[in-house]
Amino acid sequence: MIRSLLTITSPGHILYGSDYPYQPAEVLTANLRRLDKELKADKTLSEYRDMFMWKNAARLFNIADAGSTEADNSAMPEKGNNSKGMLVRISEIEIYPEYFNEYITAAMNVGATSVREEPGVIAIFPMIQQRDSCQVRILEIYADMDAYRHHITTAHFNTYKQGTLHMVKSLDLVDMTPMNAEAMDEIFSKMKKE
């Protein structure tokens, strides 16, 4: 399939994705792993593996990555000032009111599982606006871009993503630049129970 696509477009325009939003997460993750394995094994296509698997998507969605020269880093601080390479994001989500309880349960579960099981996930903190309970905000903090890339391939994230697609009216991922990253250790240390 990829070879056919390369006859009509350039490698910079191909990225991994699924047109089947209701496939079980296990199927999507198995397909992703199979594609990754096949790209690594193919001598001709292996040079494009990173482009197909994540770099093209990072460029398309303007996801800044310290290891990528293709992403637009103009809005990012210089290396060393970007919170030690952390990715800090606020997901702005509007959900349909009829799915409120179901969505909140799913968001709480994926957040707790991610923080518990993934060393690179520092925080996933879902919140609801007081003035409009259909407006959900999720503070996400990852140790670095690799931690985020790993997170979106996990079974628990894909179960959440595929299971809540029909519940979400709109989604906006807003990457943030911490103004005082050094204060983060102190802020989180106050949360520890003595």
N, C-alpha and C. Protein backbone atom coordinates (compact mmCIF):
# COMPACT_ATOMS: atom_id res chain seq x y z
N MET A 1 0.81 -1.19 0.00
CA MET A 1 0.00 0.00 0.00
C MET A 1 0.87 1.27 0.00
N ILE A 2 1.90 1.27 0.85
CA ILE A 2 2.76 2.46 0.93
C ILE A 2 3.47 2.69 -0.40
N ARG A 3 3.93 1.60 -1.02
CA ARG A 3 4.61 1.75 -2.32
C ARG A 3 3.66 2.37 -3.35
N SER A 4 2.39 1.98 -3.32
CA SER A 4 1.40 2.56 -4.23
C SER A 4 1.24 4.05 -3.97
N LEU A 5 1.17 4.43 -2.68
CA LEU A 5 1.03 5.84 -2.34
C LEU A 5 2.23 6.65 -2.82
N LEU A 6 3.41 6.05 -2.75
CA LEU A 6 4.62 6.77 -3.16
C LEU A 6 4.68 7.02 -4.66
N THR A 7 3.82 6.36 -5.43
CA THR A 7 3.77 6.65 -6.87
C THR A 7 2.97 7.92 -7.16
N ILE A 8 2.17 8.37 -6.19
CA ILE A 8 1.35 9.56 -6.42
C ILE A 8 1.64 10.71 -5.47
N THR A 9 2.48 10.48 -4.47
CA THR A 9 2.81 11.55 -3.52
C THR A 9 4.22 11.35 -2.99
N SER A 10 4.70 12.30 -2.20
CA SER A 10 6.05 12.21 -1.64
C SER A 10 5.99 11.64 -0.23
N PRO A 11 7.12 11.12 0.28
CA PRO A 11 7.13 10.56 1.63
C PRO A 11 6.70 11.56 2.71
N GLY A 12 6.86 12.83 2.46
CA GLY A 12 6.48 13.85 3.44
C GLY A 12 4.99 14.03 3.60
N HIS A 13 4.19 13.35 2.77
CA HIS A 13 2.74 13.49 2.84
C HIS A 13 2.04 12.22 3.32
N ILE A 14 2.80 11.25 3.82
CA ILE A 14 2.20 9.99 4.29
C ILE A 14 2.39 9.92 5.80
N LEU A 15 1.30 9.60 6.52
CA LEU A 15 1.41 9.42 7.96
C LEU A 15 0.46 8.32 8.42
N TYR A 16 0.81 7.70 9.53
CA TYR A 16 -0.02 6.62 10.07
C TYR A 16 -1.30 7.20 10.65
N GLY A 17 -2.40 6.53 10.37
CA GLY A 17 -3.68 6.93 10.92
C GLY A 17 -4.70 5.85 10.64
N SER A 18 -5.89 6.02 11.14
CA SER A 18 -6.93 5.04 10.93
C SER A 18 -8.21 5.72 10.49
N ASP A 19 -8.85 5.15 9.47
CA ASP A 19 -10.16 5.62 9.04
C ASP A 19 -11.26 4.85 9.74
N TYR A 20 -10.91 4.04 10.69
CA TYR A 20 -11.88 3.18 11.36
C TYR A 20 -11.95 3.53 12.84
N PRO A 21 -12.65 4.61 13.20
CA PRO A 21 -12.63 5.09 14.58
C PRO A 21 -13.27 4.14 15.59
N TYR A 22 -14.02 3.17 15.11
CA TYR A 22 -14.69 2.29 16.06
C TYR A 22 -14.03 0.93 16.17
N GLN A 23 -12.81 0.82 15.67
CA GLN A 23 -12.05 -0.41 15.86
C GLN A 23 -11.62 -0.49 17.32
N PRO A 24 -11.59 -1.69 17.90
CA PRO A 24 -11.09 -1.82 19.28
C PRO A 24 -9.64 -1.34 19.37
N ALA A 25 -9.29 -0.80 20.50
CA ALA A 25 -7.94 -0.27 20.70
C ALA A 25 -6.88 -1.33 20.45
N GLU A 26 -7.18 -2.58 20.84
CA GLU A 26 -6.22 -3.66 20.66
C GLU A 26 -5.90 -3.87 19.17
N VAL A 27 -6.92 -3.74 18.32
CA VAL A 27 -6.73 -3.91 16.88
C VAL A 27 -5.88 -2.76 16.33
N LEU A 28 -6.20 -1.54 16.74
CA LEU A 28 -5.43 -0.38 16.26
C LEU A 28 -3.98 -0.46 16.70
N THR A 29 -3.74 -0.86 17.95
CA THR A 29 -2.36 -0.93 18.44
C THR A 29 -1.61 -2.07 17.75
N ALA A 30 -2.29 -3.19 17.52
CA ALA A 30 -1.66 -4.31 16.81
C ALA A 30 -1.30 -3.89 15.39
N ASN A 31 -2.18 -3.16 14.72
CA ASN A 31 -1.89 -2.67 13.37
C ASN A 31 -0.71 -1.71 13.36
N LEU A 32 -0.65 -0.84 14.36
CA LEU A 32 0.47 0.10 14.47
C LEU A 32 1.78 -0.65 14.65
N ARG A 33 1.78 -1.64 15.53
CA ARG A 33 3.01 -2.43 15.77
C ARG A 33 3.43 -3.19 14.52
N ARG A 34 2.43 -3.77 13.81
CA ARG A 34 2.73 -4.52 12.59
C ARG A 34 3.34 -3.59 11.53
N LEU A 35 2.76 -2.41 11.36
CA LEU A 35 3.30 -1.45 10.39
C LEU A 35 4.72 -1.05 10.76
N ASP A 36 4.95 -0.78 12.03
CA ASP A 36 6.28 -0.39 12.50
C ASP A 36 7.29 -1.49 12.20
N LYS A 37 6.92 -2.73 12.49
CA LYS A 37 7.80 -3.87 12.25
C LYS A 37 8.11 -4.03 10.76
N GLU A 38 7.08 -3.90 9.92
CA GLU A 38 7.27 -4.04 8.48
C GLU A 38 8.12 -2.91 7.91
N LEU A 39 7.94 -1.71 8.41
CA LEU A 39 8.77 -0.59 7.93
C LEU A 39 10.23 -0.79 8.32
N LYS A 40 10.47 -1.27 9.54
CA LYS A 40 11.85 -1.51 9.98
C LYS A 40 12.52 -2.58 9.12
N ALA A 41 11.75 -3.60 8.71
CA ALA A 41 12.30 -4.72 7.96
C ALA A 41 12.52 -4.40 6.47
N ASP A 42 11.82 -3.45 5.94
CA ASP A 42 11.90 -3.12 4.51
C ASP A 42 13.06 -2.15 4.27
N LYS A 43 14.06 -2.63 3.52
CA LYS A 43 15.26 -1.82 3.31
C LYS A 43 14.98 -0.49 2.60
N THR A 44 14.01 -0.49 1.70
CA THR A 44 13.69 0.73 0.96
C THR A 44 12.88 1.70 1.81
N LEU A 45 11.88 1.18 2.51
CA LEU A 45 10.97 2.05 3.25
C LEU A 45 11.45 2.40 4.66
N SER A 46 12.44 1.66 5.18
CA SER A 46 12.87 1.89 6.57
C SER A 46 13.39 3.31 6.78
N GLU A 47 13.96 3.91 5.73
CA GLU A 47 14.47 5.28 5.89
C GLU A 47 13.35 6.29 6.12
N TYR A 48 12.10 5.92 5.77
CA TYR A 48 10.96 6.82 5.95
C TYR A 48 10.15 6.50 7.21
N ARG A 49 10.57 5.50 7.98
CA ARG A 49 9.79 5.03 9.12
C ARG A 49 9.37 6.15 10.06
N ASP A 50 10.32 6.94 10.54
CA ASP A 50 9.98 8.02 11.48
C ASP A 50 9.03 9.04 10.86
N MET A 51 9.21 9.31 9.58
CA MET A 51 8.31 10.25 8.90
C MET A 51 6.88 9.73 8.92
N PHE A 52 6.72 8.45 8.53
CA PHE A 52 5.37 7.87 8.44
C PHE A 52 4.75 7.69 9.82
N MET A 53 5.56 7.31 10.80
CA MET A 53 5.02 6.95 12.12
C MET A 53 4.71 8.17 12.98
N TRP A 54 5.52 9.26 12.87
CA TRP A 54 5.23 10.41 13.73
C TRP A 54 5.70 11.77 13.23
N LYS A 55 6.79 11.84 12.49
CA LYS A 55 7.31 13.15 12.11
C LYS A 55 6.35 13.94 11.21
N ASN A 56 5.75 13.26 10.23
CA ASN A 56 4.82 13.97 9.35
C ASN A 56 3.61 14.48 10.13
N ALA A 57 3.11 13.67 11.06
CA ALA A 57 1.98 14.10 11.89
C ALA A 57 2.39 15.26 12.79
N ALA A 58 3.60 15.19 13.36
CA ALA A 58 4.07 16.28 14.22
C ALA A 58 4.15 17.58 13.43
N ARG A 59 4.62 17.50 12.18
CA ARG A 59 4.70 18.70 11.34
C ARG A 59 3.30 19.20 10.99
N LEU A 60 2.40 18.27 10.60
CA LEU A 60 1.05 18.64 10.21
C LEU A 60 0.30 19.33 11.34
N PHE A 61 0.43 18.79 12.56
CA PHE A 61 -0.30 19.33 13.70
C PHE A 61 0.54 20.32 14.51
N ASN A 62 1.73 20.67 13.99
CA ASN A 62 2.60 21.66 14.61
C ASN A 62 2.94 21.29 16.05
N ILE A 63 3.29 20.01 16.25
CA ILE A 63 3.70 19.54 17.57
C ILE A 63 5.20 19.72 17.65
N ALA A 64 5.64 20.61 18.51
CA ALA A 64 7.06 20.89 18.63
C ALA A 64 7.77 19.70 19.25
N ASP A 65 8.93 19.36 18.71
CA ASP A 65 9.72 18.24 19.22
C ASP A 65 11.19 18.62 19.14
N ALA A 66 11.86 18.53 20.25
CA ALA A 66 13.27 18.93 20.29
C ALA A 66 14.12 18.12 19.32
N GLY A 67 13.73 16.88 19.02
CA GLY A 67 14.51 16.05 18.12
C GLY A 67 14.14 16.21 16.66
N SER A 68 13.17 17.00 16.35
CA SER A 68 12.69 17.12 14.98
C SER A 68 12.98 18.51 14.44
N THR A 69 13.59 18.55 13.27
CA THR A 69 13.84 19.84 12.64
C THR A 69 12.65 20.26 11.80
N GLU A 70 11.66 19.35 11.64
CA GLU A 70 10.53 19.65 10.77
C GLU A 70 9.43 20.42 11.48
N ALA A 71 9.32 20.29 12.79
CA ALA A 71 8.26 21.00 13.50
C ALA A 71 8.63 22.47 13.61
N ASP A 72 7.65 23.30 13.65
CA ASP A 72 7.87 24.74 13.80
C ASP A 72 8.12 25.04 15.26
N ASN A 73 9.38 25.30 15.60
CA ASN A 73 9.75 25.55 17.00
C ASN A 73 9.83 27.03 17.31
N SER A 74 9.34 27.88 16.44
CA SER A 74 9.51 29.32 16.63
C SER A 74 8.84 29.83 17.89
N ALA A 75 7.77 29.19 18.33
CA ALA A 75 7.07 29.65 19.53
C ALA A 75 7.61 29.00 20.79
N MET A 76 8.56 28.09 20.63
CA MET A 76 9.10 27.38 21.79
C MET A 76 10.31 28.13 22.33
N PRO A 77 10.53 28.05 23.65
CA PRO A 77 11.72 28.67 24.21
C PRO A 77 12.98 27.93 23.77
N GLU A 78 14.13 28.57 23.93
CA GLU A 78 15.38 27.92 23.58
C GLU A 78 15.56 26.67 24.42
N LYS A 79 16.36 25.72 23.89
CA LYS A 79 16.65 24.51 24.65
C LYS A 79 17.24 24.90 26.00
N GLY A 80 16.83 24.17 27.02
CA GLY A 80 17.30 24.48 28.35
C GLY A 80 16.30 25.34 29.10
N ASN A 81 15.45 26.08 28.40
CA ASN A 81 14.43 26.89 29.05
C ASN A 81 13.04 26.31 28.89
N ASN A 82 12.93 25.13 28.26
CA ASN A 82 11.61 24.60 27.97
C ASN A 82 11.19 23.53 28.96
N SER A 83 11.41 23.79 30.23
CA SER A 83 10.96 22.89 31.27
C SER A 83 11.59 21.52 31.10
N LYS A 84 12.90 21.50 30.84
CA LYS A 84 13.66 20.26 30.72
C LYS A 84 13.09 19.36 29.63
N GLY A 85 12.56 19.92 28.58
CA GLY A 85 12.03 19.13 27.48
C GLY A 85 10.62 18.63 27.70
N MET A 86 9.98 19.05 28.76
CA MET A 86 8.62 18.60 29.06
C MET A 86 7.64 19.06 27.99
N LEU A 87 6.59 18.27 27.83
CA LEU A 87 5.45 18.68 27.02
C LEU A 87 4.31 18.97 27.98
N VAL A 88 3.85 20.21 27.98
CA VAL A 88 2.73 20.62 28.84
C VAL A 88 1.60 21.04 27.91
N ARG A 89 0.43 20.47 28.14
CA ARG A 89 -0.69 20.71 27.23
C ARG A 89 -1.99 20.83 28.03
N ILE A 90 -2.88 21.64 27.52
CA ILE A 90 -4.25 21.69 28.04
C ILE A 90 -5.16 21.22 26.91
N SER A 91 -5.86 20.13 27.15
CA SER A 91 -6.85 19.64 26.19
C SER A 91 -8.17 20.31 26.52
N GLU A 92 -8.69 21.06 25.56
CA GLU A 92 -9.98 21.74 25.73
C GLU A 92 -11.03 20.91 25.01
N ILE A 93 -11.93 20.31 25.77
CA ILE A 93 -12.88 19.34 25.22
C ILE A 93 -14.30 19.77 25.56
N GLU A 94 -15.17 19.71 24.57
CA GLU A 94 -16.60 19.90 24.82
C GLU A 94 -17.27 18.56 24.57
N ILE A 95 -18.02 18.09 25.56
CA ILE A 95 -18.69 16.80 25.42
C ILE A 95 -20.20 17.00 25.28
N TYR A 96 -20.85 16.02 24.68
CA TYR A 96 -22.30 16.05 24.59
C TYR A 96 -22.88 15.75 25.97
N PRO A 97 -23.89 16.51 26.42
CA PRO A 97 -24.40 16.36 27.79
C PRO A 97 -24.91 14.96 28.11
N GLU A 98 -25.45 14.27 27.12
CA GLU A 98 -26.00 12.94 27.39
C GLU A 98 -24.93 11.90 27.73
N TYR A 99 -23.65 12.23 27.46
CA TYR A 99 -22.55 11.31 27.76
C TYR A 99 -21.71 11.77 28.95
N PHE A 100 -22.20 12.73 29.71
CA PHE A 100 -21.41 13.33 30.78
C PHE A 100 -20.79 12.28 31.70
N ASN A 101 -21.61 11.47 32.35
CA ASN A 101 -21.09 10.51 33.34
C ASN A 101 -20.13 9.51 32.71
N GLU A 102 -20.51 9.02 31.54
CA GLU A 102 -19.69 8.03 30.85
C GLU A 102 -18.32 8.62 30.46
N TYR A 103 -18.32 9.85 29.97
CA TYR A 103 -17.06 10.48 29.56
C TYR A 103 -16.17 10.75 30.77
N ILE A 104 -16.76 11.30 31.82
CA ILE A 104 -15.96 11.63 33.01
C ILE A 104 -15.31 10.37 33.58
N THR A 105 -16.05 9.28 33.63
CA THR A 105 -15.49 8.01 34.12
C THR A 105 -14.30 7.59 33.25
N ALA A 106 -14.47 7.65 31.94
CA ALA A 106 -13.39 7.26 31.03
C ALA A 106 -12.17 8.16 31.19
N ALA A 107 -12.38 9.47 31.30
CA ALA A 107 -11.27 10.42 31.45
C ALA A 107 -10.52 10.20 32.76
N MET A 108 -11.27 9.97 33.83
CA MET A 108 -10.63 9.73 35.13
C MET A 108 -9.82 8.43 35.09
N ASN A 109 -10.38 7.40 34.46
CA ASN A 109 -9.69 6.11 34.40
C ASN A 109 -8.40 6.18 33.59
N VAL A 110 -8.46 6.80 32.40
CA VAL A 110 -7.26 6.86 31.58
C VAL A 110 -6.20 7.73 32.24
N GLY A 111 -6.61 8.79 32.91
CA GLY A 111 -5.65 9.64 33.60
C GLY A 111 -4.93 8.90 34.72
N ALA A 112 -5.70 8.21 35.55
CA ALA A 112 -5.12 7.47 36.68
C ALA A 112 -4.21 6.34 36.18
N THR A 113 -4.68 5.60 35.18
CA THR A 113 -3.87 4.49 34.65
C THR A 113 -2.58 5.01 34.03
N SER A 114 -2.66 6.09 33.29
CA SER A 114 -1.47 6.64 32.63
C SER A 114 -0.42 7.09 33.64
N VAL A 115 -0.85 7.80 34.67
CA VAL A 115 0.10 8.28 35.68
C VAL A 115 0.69 7.10 36.45
N ARG A 116 -0.13 6.11 36.74
CA ARG A 116 0.32 4.95 37.50
C ARG A 116 1.28 4.06 36.70
N GLU A 117 0.99 3.84 35.42
CA GLU A 117 1.72 2.84 34.65
C GLU A 117 2.80 3.38 33.72
N GLU A 118 2.78 4.67 33.43
CA GLU A 118 3.74 5.23 32.48
C GLU A 118 4.70 6.19 33.19
N PRO A 119 5.97 5.82 33.30
CA PRO A 119 6.92 6.69 34.00
C PRO A 119 7.03 8.10 33.41
N GLY A 120 6.83 8.25 32.11
CA GLY A 120 6.96 9.55 31.47
C GLY A 120 5.75 10.45 31.58
N VAL A 121 4.65 9.92 32.12
CA VAL A 121 3.45 10.74 32.32
C VAL A 121 3.51 11.32 33.73
N ILE A 122 3.72 12.61 33.81
CA ILE A 122 3.85 13.28 35.11
C ILE A 122 2.47 13.60 35.67
N ALA A 123 1.57 14.08 34.83
CA ALA A 123 0.22 14.42 35.30
C ALA A 123 -0.77 14.36 34.15
N ILE A 124 -1.93 13.82 34.43
CA ILE A 124 -3.10 13.96 33.57
C ILE A 124 -4.23 14.28 34.53
N PHE A 125 -4.67 15.53 34.49
CA PHE A 125 -5.58 16.05 35.51
C PHE A 125 -6.84 16.61 34.86
N PRO A 126 -7.91 15.77 34.76
CA PRO A 126 -9.16 16.25 34.16
C PRO A 126 -9.91 17.19 35.10
N MET A 127 -10.53 18.22 34.51
CA MET A 127 -11.31 19.20 35.28
C MET A 127 -12.56 19.55 34.48
N ILE A 128 -13.60 20.01 35.19
CA ILE A 128 -14.85 20.44 34.56
C ILE A 128 -15.06 21.91 34.90
N GLN A 129 -15.45 22.70 33.91
CA GLN A 129 -15.77 24.10 34.20
C GLN A 129 -16.99 24.17 35.11
N GLN A 130 -16.93 25.03 36.10
CA GLN A 130 -18.07 25.19 37.01
C GLN A 130 -19.28 25.79 36.30
N ARG A 131 -19.04 26.68 35.34
CA ARG A 131 -20.16 27.35 34.69
C ARG A 131 -20.78 26.53 33.55
N ASP A 132 -20.08 25.49 33.08
CA ASP A 132 -20.60 24.65 32.00
C ASP A 132 -19.96 23.27 32.11
N SER A 133 -20.70 22.32 32.66
CA SER A 133 -20.13 21.00 32.93
C SER A 133 -19.80 20.20 31.67
N CYS A 134 -20.21 20.67 30.52
CA CYS A 134 -19.85 19.99 29.27
C CYS A 134 -18.48 20.45 28.75
N GLN A 135 -17.91 21.45 29.41
CA GLN A 135 -16.59 21.95 29.06
C GLN A 135 -15.56 21.30 29.97
N VAL A 136 -14.78 20.40 29.40
CA VAL A 136 -13.78 19.65 30.16
C VAL A 136 -12.40 20.20 29.77
N ARG A 137 -11.54 20.32 30.74
CA ARG A 137 -10.15 20.69 30.49
C ARG A 137 -9.28 19.63 31.14
N ILE A 138 -8.27 19.19 30.42
CA ILE A 138 -7.35 18.19 30.97
C ILE A 138 -5.94 18.77 30.89
N LEU A 139 -5.32 18.94 32.05
CA LEU A 139 -3.92 19.35 32.11
C LEU A 139 -3.08 18.09 31.93
N GLU A 140 -2.22 18.10 30.92
CA GLU A 140 -1.36 16.96 30.64
C GLU A 140 0.09 17.42 30.73
N ILE A 141 0.90 16.69 31.49
CA ILE A 141 2.33 16.99 31.58
C ILE A 141 3.09 15.69 31.34
N TYR A 142 3.96 15.73 30.32
CA TYR A 142 4.78 14.57 29.96
C TYR A 142 6.24 14.93 30.14
N ALA A 143 7.06 13.96 30.53
CA ALA A 143 8.48 14.21 30.76
C ALA A 143 9.16 14.75 29.50
N ASP A 144 8.74 14.27 28.34
CA ASP A 144 9.29 14.73 27.07
C ASP A 144 8.40 14.23 25.94
N MET A 145 8.78 14.55 24.72
CA MET A 145 7.97 14.17 23.56
C MET A 145 7.91 12.66 23.39
N ASP A 146 9.00 11.97 23.72
CA ASP A 146 8.99 10.50 23.62
C ASP A 146 7.95 9.91 24.57
N ALA A 147 7.82 10.47 25.75
CA ALA A 147 6.81 9.98 26.71
C ALA A 147 5.41 10.17 26.15
N TYR A 148 5.17 11.31 25.49
CA TYR A 148 3.86 11.54 24.87
C TYR A 148 3.61 10.56 23.74
N ARG A 149 4.63 10.38 22.88
CA ARG A 149 4.46 9.44 21.77
C ARG A 149 4.17 8.04 22.28
N HIS A 150 4.84 7.64 23.35
CA HIS A 150 4.56 6.32 23.95
C HIS A 150 3.13 6.28 24.49
N HIS A 151 2.73 7.34 25.17
CA HIS A 151 1.39 7.40 25.78
C HIS A 151 0.29 7.16 24.75
N ILE A 152 0.39 7.77 23.59
CA ILE A 152 -0.70 7.65 22.62
C ILE A 152 -0.70 6.30 21.89
N THR A 153 0.27 5.44 22.19
CA THR A 153 0.26 4.09 21.63
C THR A 153 -0.21 3.04 22.63
N THR A 154 -0.45 3.45 23.88
CA THR A 154 -0.83 2.46 24.90
C THR A 154 -2.26 1.99 24.70
N ALA A 155 -2.52 0.77 25.17
CA ALA A 155 -3.86 0.19 25.06
C ALA A 155 -4.88 1.02 25.83
N HIS A 156 -4.50 1.50 27.04
CA HIS A 156 -5.49 2.25 27.84
C HIS A 156 -5.84 3.59 27.18
N PHE A 157 -4.86 4.27 26.55
CA PHE A 157 -5.20 5.51 25.86
C PHE A 157 -6.09 5.23 24.65
N ASN A 158 -5.74 4.22 23.87
CA ASN A 158 -6.53 3.93 22.67
C ASN A 158 -7.93 3.45 23.02
N THR A 159 -8.08 2.73 24.12
CA THR A 159 -9.42 2.33 24.58
C THR A 159 -10.23 3.58 24.91
N TYR A 160 -9.61 4.52 25.63
CA TYR A 160 -10.27 5.79 25.96
C TYR A 160 -10.63 6.56 24.69
N LYS A 161 -9.66 6.73 23.80
CA LYS A 161 -9.85 7.54 22.60
C LYS A 161 -10.96 6.97 21.72
N GLN A 162 -10.88 5.68 21.44
CA GLN A 162 -11.88 5.07 20.56
C GLN A 162 -13.24 4.98 21.24
N GLY A 163 -13.24 4.78 22.56
CA GLY A 163 -14.49 4.64 23.29
C GLY A 163 -15.24 5.94 23.52
N THR A 164 -14.55 7.08 23.37
CA THR A 164 -15.19 8.37 23.65
C THR A 164 -15.36 9.25 22.41
N LEU A 165 -14.96 8.78 21.26
CA LEU A 165 -15.06 9.60 20.04
C LEU A 165 -16.47 10.16 19.84
N HIS A 166 -17.48 9.34 20.04
CA HIS A 166 -18.86 9.78 19.80
C HIS A 166 -19.38 10.71 20.90
N MET A 167 -18.65 10.81 22.01
CA MET A 167 -19.07 11.65 23.13
C MET A 167 -18.55 13.08 23.01
N VAL A 168 -17.53 13.27 22.19
CA VAL A 168 -16.82 14.54 22.10
C VAL A 168 -17.37 15.39 20.95
N LYS A 169 -17.82 16.58 21.31
CA LYS A 169 -18.33 17.53 20.32
C LYS A 169 -17.18 18.30 19.67
N SER A 170 -16.19 18.69 20.47
CA SER A 170 -15.02 19.39 19.94
C SER A 170 -13.81 19.13 20.82
N LEU A 171 -12.63 19.24 20.21
CA LEU A 171 -11.37 19.00 20.91
C LEU A 171 -10.33 19.97 20.36
N ASP A 172 -9.63 20.64 21.27
CA ASP A 172 -8.52 21.51 20.88
C ASP A 172 -7.36 21.22 21.81
N LEU A 173 -6.22 20.83 21.25
CA LEU A 173 -5.03 20.55 22.04
C LEU A 173 -4.15 21.79 22.05
N VAL A 174 -3.97 22.39 23.22
CA VAL A 174 -3.24 23.65 23.35
C VAL A 174 -1.93 23.39 24.08
N ASP A 175 -0.82 23.43 23.34
CA ASP A 175 0.49 23.26 23.97
C ASP A 175 0.87 24.53 24.69
N MET A 176 1.45 24.37 25.87
CA MET A 176 1.78 25.49 26.74
C MET A 176 3.29 25.55 26.98
N THR A 177 3.78 26.73 27.28
CA THR A 177 5.17 26.91 27.69
C THR A 177 5.17 27.37 29.14
N PRO A 178 5.67 26.53 30.06
CA PRO A 178 5.70 26.93 31.47
C PRO A 178 6.55 28.18 31.67
N MET A 179 6.04 29.12 32.44
CA MET A 179 6.78 30.36 32.68
C MET A 179 7.83 30.19 33.78
N ASN A 180 7.59 29.26 34.70
CA ASN A 180 8.53 29.03 35.79
C ASN A 180 8.60 27.53 36.06
N ALA A 181 9.26 26.81 35.18
CA ALA A 181 9.32 25.36 35.28
C ALA A 181 9.99 24.89 36.57
N GLU A 182 10.92 25.68 37.09
CA GLU A 182 11.63 25.28 38.31
C GLU A 182 10.68 25.18 39.50
N ALA A 183 9.57 25.90 39.46
CA ALA A 183 8.62 25.87 40.58
C ALA A 183 7.80 24.59 40.61
N MET A 184 7.84 23.81 39.53
CA MET A 184 7.01 22.62 39.45
C MET A 184 7.30 21.62 40.56
N ASP A 185 8.58 21.39 40.86
CA ASP A 185 8.93 20.45 41.94
C ASP A 185 8.32 20.88 43.26
N GLU A 186 8.40 22.16 43.57
CA GLU A 186 7.84 22.68 44.82
C GLU A 186 6.32 22.56 44.84
N ILE A 187 5.68 22.86 43.72
CA ILE A 187 4.22 22.76 43.65
C ILE A 187 3.77 21.33 43.90
N PHE A 188 4.40 20.37 43.21
CA PHE A 188 3.98 18.98 43.38
C PHE A 188 4.37 18.42 44.74
N SER A 189 5.46 18.92 45.34
CA SER A 189 5.85 18.40 46.66
C SER A 189 4.83 18.77 47.73
N LYS A 190 4.10 19.87 47.56
CA LYS A 190 3.06 20.25 48.52
C LYS A 190 1.90 19.27 48.51
N MET A 191 1.74 18.53 47.42
CA MET A 191 0.64 17.58 47.30
C MET A 191 0.92 16.28 48.06
N LYS A 192 2.18 16.01 48.38
CA LYS A 192 2.53 14.77 49.06
C LYS A 192 2.00 14.79 50.48
N LYS A 193 1.41 13.67 50.87
CA LYS A 193 0.89 13.56 52.24
C LYS A 193 2.01 13.12 53.16
N GLU A 194 2.07 13.72 54.30
CA GLU A 194 3.12 13.40 55.27
C GLU A 194 2.76 12.17 56.06
